[in-house]
C-alpha cells in the first residue's frame, strides 16, 4: 500500500501548503515516514538559502508531526522530486496545484506534468485550497477494461481493506461506447476485487458528454481519494497519464493518485 514513505514537494505558497497538509494526513493514517523537500536550480546560492527558509516555514506549518526536511539541487522540480524519491525510497510523491488554478480543482504545472509522465513512484495531487478532513472516507478507482486497470483493482482493493474504507469502481460513459459492455466490464472488475481481497466494491457508471460532466454525475464524499492507473503508453514502473485520465484529473474535486505501470 502506498504511504509507507511519502515525499512532498514544498514551496511557500498555497499549492505547497495544500500538498503538505495532504501528505501529513496520509502518513497520519498509514503511520509512514514523511519527507518534506524543496528543489532549487543549480548554481543559485541565493535560491539555496531560500529553499532552507521554505523548509523552516514548512516545519512551522506542520507543527509537531515527525518529518525529515531536505533541499535538493536539480534543473527541474519534477525531475528533482523523482530522483530524490528514488534515493530515499519513497513510494508516493505529493504535490499541490499550480498557482492560478480554480479553487477545488487541480491545475497542472511543469513539476506535476513531469511527474505525471515520467515518475517511477506513485504521484498524488491536491486540488487548490484543499483541506484534508482527516482519515480517507472511500477509495475510488477510475476503471477502464485494460491490464493496467485490472492490476490496479487488486492494489487499490488491498489498500481499502487495510485502511478500513469502502472501495468504489467507476467507469465513464461519454456516450461513445456501448453502456451494456461498460457495465459488464465493471461487473468483472468488481468480481476481481472480491476474488483477490474479499472486499465488496461498489460500482457506478458515470454518464456525461465529457469527463467533467461525467464526474459531476456521481457523488463525492469528503475525504474521498480518486485513483487512476497509468496509461497504456507507460513504460514499466513509470507513470504516464493518458489524455482521458488527464481530463479526469483536472475535473476532480478530490485528491488524485496515479499509479505507475506495474505498481505493487
Protein backbone atom coordinates (compact mmCIF):
# COMPACT_ATOMS: atom_id res chain seq x y z
CA UNK A 1 0.00 0.00 0.00
CA UNK A 2 1.33 3.43 -0.88
CA UNK A 3 2.08 5.74 2.01
CA UNK A 4 4.90 3.85 3.74
CA UNK A 5 7.22 6.74 2.85
CA UNK A 6 5.74 9.93 1.43
CA UNK A 7 7.75 12.79 -0.06
CA UNK A 8 6.03 16.12 -0.55
CA UNK A 9 7.29 18.85 -2.85
CA UNK A 10 7.03 22.02 -0.79
CA UNK A 11 7.02 25.64 -1.85
CA UNK A 12 5.94 28.52 0.36
CA UNK A 13 2.66 29.16 -1.46
CA UNK A 14 -0.90 27.86 -1.40
CA UNK A 15 -0.10 24.80 -3.52
CA UNK A 16 2.83 23.86 -1.30
CA UNK A 17 0.78 24.21 1.85
CA UNK A 18 -2.07 22.15 0.34
CA UNK A 19 0.37 19.39 -0.60
CA UNK A 20 1.97 19.43 2.86
CA UNK A 21 -1.40 19.10 4.60
CA UNK A 22 -2.41 16.22 2.33
CA UNK A 23 0.90 14.38 2.77
CA UNK A 24 0.73 14.77 6.55
CA UNK A 25 -2.84 13.43 6.55
CA UNK A 26 -1.75 10.39 4.55
CA UNK A 27 1.16 9.49 6.84
CA UNK A 28 -1.07 10.17 9.83
CA UNK A 29 -3.32 7.35 8.62
CA UNK A 30 -0.66 4.95 7.30
CA UNK A 31 1.93 5.59 10.01
CA UNK A 32 4.51 6.07 7.26
CA UNK A 33 7.55 8.32 7.06
CA UNK A 34 7.20 11.87 5.79
CA UNK A 35 9.91 13.79 3.93
CA UNK A 36 9.40 17.44 3.04
CA UNK A 37 11.55 18.56 0.12
CA UNK A 38 12.24 21.84 -1.66
CA UNK A 39 14.02 21.70 -5.01
CA UNK A 40 16.13 24.61 -6.28
CA UNK A 41 18.12 25.13 -9.52
CA UNK A 42 21.88 24.55 -9.66
CA UNK A 43 24.31 27.46 -9.42
CA UNK A 44 21.92 29.61 -7.37
CA UNK A 45 23.28 30.18 -3.82
CA UNK A 46 20.53 32.68 -3.09
CA UNK A 47 17.81 30.19 -4.05
CA UNK A 48 19.54 27.52 -1.96
CA UNK A 49 19.19 29.79 1.07
CA UNK A 50 15.57 30.48 0.13
CA UNK A 51 14.94 26.73 -0.06
CA UNK A 52 16.16 26.34 3.51
CA UNK A 53 13.84 29.16 4.57
CA UNK A 54 10.95 27.42 2.80
CA UNK A 55 11.58 24.29 4.85
CA UNK A 56 11.57 26.34 8.04
CA UNK A 57 8.12 27.63 7.06
CA UNK A 58 7.04 24.06 6.29
CA UNK A 59 8.12 22.93 9.77
CA UNK A 60 6.07 25.77 11.29
CA UNK A 61 3.01 24.76 9.27
CA UNK A 62 3.43 21.08 10.05
CA UNK A 63 3.87 21.55 13.78
CA UNK A 64 4.94 18.61 15.95
CA UNK A 65 4.34 15.90 13.35
CA UNK A 66 7.60 13.99 12.70
CA UNK A 67 9.24 14.64 9.32
CA UNK A 68 12.59 14.90 7.58
CA UNK A 69 13.42 18.11 5.72
CA UNK A 70 15.61 18.14 2.61
CA UNK A 71 16.73 20.62 -0.03
CA UNK A 72 17.76 19.23 -3.39
CA UNK A 73 19.51 20.78 -6.37
CA UNK A 74 18.00 19.98 -9.78
CA UNK A 75 17.26 21.68 -13.08
CA UNK A 76 13.57 20.89 -12.68
CA UNK A 77 11.32 20.50 -9.65
CA UNK A 78 9.53 17.43 -11.00
CA UNK A 79 12.76 15.74 -12.02
CA UNK A 80 14.37 16.60 -8.68
CA UNK A 81 11.47 15.16 -6.69
CA UNK A 82 11.52 11.97 -8.75
CA UNK A 83 15.28 11.49 -8.32
CA UNK A 84 15.11 12.28 -4.61
CA UNK A 85 12.16 9.91 -4.12
CA UNK A 86 14.21 7.11 -5.63
CA UNK A 87 17.19 7.86 -3.41
CA UNK A 88 15.21 7.84 -0.16
CA UNK A 89 12.92 5.00 -1.33
CA UNK A 90 9.71 6.95 -1.05
CA UNK A 91 6.68 5.26 -2.59
CA UNK A 92 4.48 8.34 -3.06
CA UNK A 93 5.19 11.88 -4.28
CA UNK A 94 2.64 14.53 -3.26
CA UNK A 95 2.44 17.90 -4.99
CA UNK A 96 -0.05 20.75 -4.96
CA UNK A 97 -1.98 22.52 -7.67
CA UNK A 98 -0.24 25.11 -9.83
CA UNK A 99 -0.70 28.77 -8.96
CA UNK A 100 -3.76 30.37 -10.52
CA UNK A 101 -5.87 27.23 -10.65
CA UNK A 102 -9.58 27.14 -9.87
CA UNK A 103 -10.27 26.54 -6.15
CA UNK A 104 -11.27 22.93 -5.57
CA UNK A 105 -9.70 21.73 -8.82
CA UNK A 106 -6.26 20.52 -9.88
CA UNK A 107 -4.15 22.73 -12.15
CA UNK A 108 -1.13 21.08 -13.76
CA UNK A 109 2.18 22.92 -13.59
CA UNK A 110 5.57 21.98 -15.05
CA UNK A 111 6.58 19.91 -12.00
CA UNK A 112 3.37 17.88 -11.85
CA UNK A 113 3.37 17.46 -15.64
CA UNK A 114 6.85 15.94 -15.46
CA UNK A 115 5.83 13.59 -12.65
CA UNK A 116 2.63 12.51 -14.41
CA UNK A 117 4.62 11.39 -17.45
CA UNK A 118 7.91 10.12 -16.02
CA UNK A 119 7.76 9.34 -12.29
CA UNK A 120 8.82 5.91 -11.05
CA UNK A 121 6.72 6.37 -7.90
CA UNK A 122 3.01 6.90 -7.42
CA UNK A 123 2.03 10.57 -7.68
CA UNK A 124 -0.76 12.32 -5.76
CA UNK A 125 -2.04 15.81 -6.49
CA UNK A 126 -4.02 18.04 -4.15
CA UNK A 127 -6.75 20.34 -5.51
CA UNK A 128 -6.26 24.05 -4.95
CA UNK A 129 -7.12 25.12 -1.39
CA UNK A 130 -7.73 21.52 -0.34
CA UNK A 131 -8.15 20.92 3.38
CA UNK A 132 -7.95 17.21 4.37
CA UNK A 133 -10.96 16.29 6.53
CA UNK A 134 -8.99 13.57 8.37
CA UNK A 135 -9.00 9.89 7.54
CA UNK A 136 -9.98 8.82 3.98
CA UNK A 137 -13.69 8.11 3.58
CA UNK A 138 -13.52 5.99 0.43
CA UNK A 139 -11.15 4.97 -2.36
CA UNK A 140 -12.49 5.31 -5.89
CA UNK A 141 -10.70 3.77 -8.86
CA UNK A 142 -11.36 5.15 -12.33
CA UNK A 143 -11.74 1.88 -14.25
CA UNK A 144 -11.21 1.08 -17.91
CA UNK A 145 -11.03 -2.51 -19.10
CA UNK A 146 -7.31 -2.97 -19.75
CA UNK A 147 -4.43 -4.76 -17.99
CA UNK A 148 -3.10 -1.76 -16.03
CA UNK A 149 -6.54 -1.09 -14.54
CA UNK A 150 -7.12 -4.76 -13.74
CA UNK A 151 -3.84 -4.79 -11.81
CA UNK A 152 -4.85 -1.55 -10.07
CA UNK A 153 -8.14 -3.10 -8.93
CA UNK A 154 -6.26 -5.58 -6.76
CA UNK A 155 -3.82 -2.98 -5.40
CA UNK A 156 -6.49 -0.42 -4.54
CA UNK A 157 -8.73 -3.10 -3.04
CA UNK A 158 -5.86 -4.14 -0.77
CA UNK A 159 -5.36 -0.52 0.25
CA UNK A 160 -9.07 -0.07 1.01
CA UNK A 161 -9.03 -3.24 3.09
CA UNK A 162 -6.02 -2.09 5.13
CA UNK A 163 -7.47 1.38 5.66
CA UNK A 164 -10.89 0.01 6.53
CA UNK A 165 -12.71 2.15 3.96
CA UNK A 166 -15.11 1.30 1.12
CA UNK A 167 -13.91 0.76 -2.43
CA UNK A 168 -15.75 2.13 -5.43
CA UNK A 169 -15.06 1.43 -9.10
CA UNK A 170 -16.36 3.95 -11.62
CA UNK A 171 -16.38 3.80 -15.39
CA UNK A 172 -17.01 6.88 -17.51
CA UNK A 173 -19.70 6.63 -20.19
CA UNK A 174 -19.10 9.55 -22.52
CA UNK A 175 -21.87 8.34 -24.84
CA UNK A 176 -19.42 6.95 -27.35
CA UNK A 177 -19.49 3.27 -26.36
CA UNK A 178 -21.98 0.53 -25.60
CA UNK A 179 -23.11 1.04 -22.00
CA UNK A 180 -24.01 -2.63 -21.65
CA UNK A 181 -20.43 -3.62 -22.38
CA UNK A 182 -19.13 -0.98 -19.96
CA UNK A 183 -21.36 -2.38 -17.20
CA UNK A 184 -20.23 -5.94 -17.98
CA UNK A 185 -16.58 -4.89 -17.76
CA UNK A 186 -17.27 -3.13 -14.48
CA UNK A 187 -19.00 -6.22 -13.07
CA UNK A 188 -15.93 -8.30 -13.90
CA UNK A 189 -13.73 -5.75 -12.10
CA UNK A 190 -15.95 -5.92 -9.01
CA UNK A 191 -15.63 -9.71 -9.11
CA UNK A 192 -11.84 -9.39 -9.42
CA UNK A 193 -11.71 -7.22 -6.30
CA UNK A 194 -13.75 -9.80 -4.41
CA UNK A 195 -11.73 -12.80 -5.59
CA UNK A 196 -8.36 -11.22 -4.75
CA UNK A 197 -9.16 -9.48 -1.44
CA UNK A 198 -12.67 -10.41 -0.32
CA UNK A 199 -13.80 -6.78 -0.44
CA UNK A 200 -17.22 -5.96 -1.87
CA UNK A 201 -16.66 -2.98 -4.13
CA UNK A 202 -19.34 -0.51 -5.10
CA UNK A 203 -19.63 0.21 -8.81
CA UNK A 204 -21.04 3.06 -10.83
CA UNK A 205 -21.18 4.22 -14.44
CA UNK A 206 -20.70 7.98 -14.62
CA UNK A 207 -22.51 9.46 -17.61
CA UNK A 208 -21.81 12.74 -19.37
CA UNK A 209 -20.80 14.35 -22.64
CA UNK A 210 -17.25 14.82 -21.32
CA UNK A 211 -15.12 13.83 -18.31
CA UNK A 212 -16.11 16.86 -16.23
CA UNK A 213 -19.83 16.25 -16.77
CA UNK A 214 -19.45 12.54 -16.00
CA UNK A 215 -17.63 13.18 -12.72
CA UNK A 216 -20.27 15.72 -11.74
CA UNK A 217 -22.87 12.98 -12.25
CA UNK A 218 -21.67 10.97 -9.23
CA UNK A 219 -21.43 11.69 -5.50
CA UNK A 220 -18.06 12.50 -3.91
CA UNK A 221 -17.58 12.17 -0.17
CA UNK A 222 -15.46 14.45 1.99
CA UNK A 223 -12.23 12.50 2.35
CA UNK A 224 -12.62 10.70 -0.98
CA UNK A 225 -9.46 9.74 -2.86
CA UNK A 226 -9.54 9.07 -6.61
CA UNK A 227 -7.02 6.64 -8.09
CA UNK A 228 -6.02 6.31 -11.76
CA UNK A 229 -3.82 3.65 -13.32
CA UNK A 230 -1.01 4.50 -15.71
CA UNK A 231 -1.94 4.69 -19.38
CA UNK A 232 -1.18 2.06 -21.99
CA UNK A 233 1.82 4.05 -23.24
CA UNK A 234 3.54 3.97 -19.83
CA UNK A 235 6.93 2.30 -19.63
CA UNK A 236 7.29 -0.43 -16.98
CA UNK A 237 7.39 1.02 -13.47
CA UNK A 238 6.63 4.52 -14.74
CA UNK A 239 3.67 6.86 -14.55
CA UNK A 240 2.20 8.02 -17.83
CA UNK A 241 -1.22 9.63 -17.78
CA UNK A 242 -3.29 9.34 -20.95
CA UNK A 243 -5.47 12.06 -22.44
CA UNK A 244 -8.77 10.95 -20.87
CA UNK A 245 -7.21 10.33 -17.45
CA UNK A 246 -5.67 13.82 -17.58
CA UNK A 247 -9.14 15.26 -18.19
CA UNK A 248 -10.46 13.24 -15.25
CA UNK A 249 -7.68 14.55 -13.04
CA UNK A 250 -8.38 18.17 -13.98
CA UNK A 251 -12.12 17.72 -13.32
CA UNK A 252 -11.71 16.00 -9.96
CA UNK A 253 -12.71 17.81 -6.77
CA UNK A 254 -10.73 15.40 -4.57
CA UNK A 255 -7.06 14.39 -4.47
CA UNK A 256 -5.97 12.10 -7.30
CA UNK A 257 -3.31 9.39 -7.06
CA UNK A 258 -1.76 7.96 -10.21
CA UNK A 259 -0.06 4.55 -10.01
CA UNK A 260 2.99 3.59 -12.09
CA UNK A 261 2.66 0.72 -14.52
CA UNK A 262 3.44 -2.50 -12.68
CA UNK A 263 2.91 -0.88 -9.26
CA UNK A 264 2.98 -3.42 -6.42
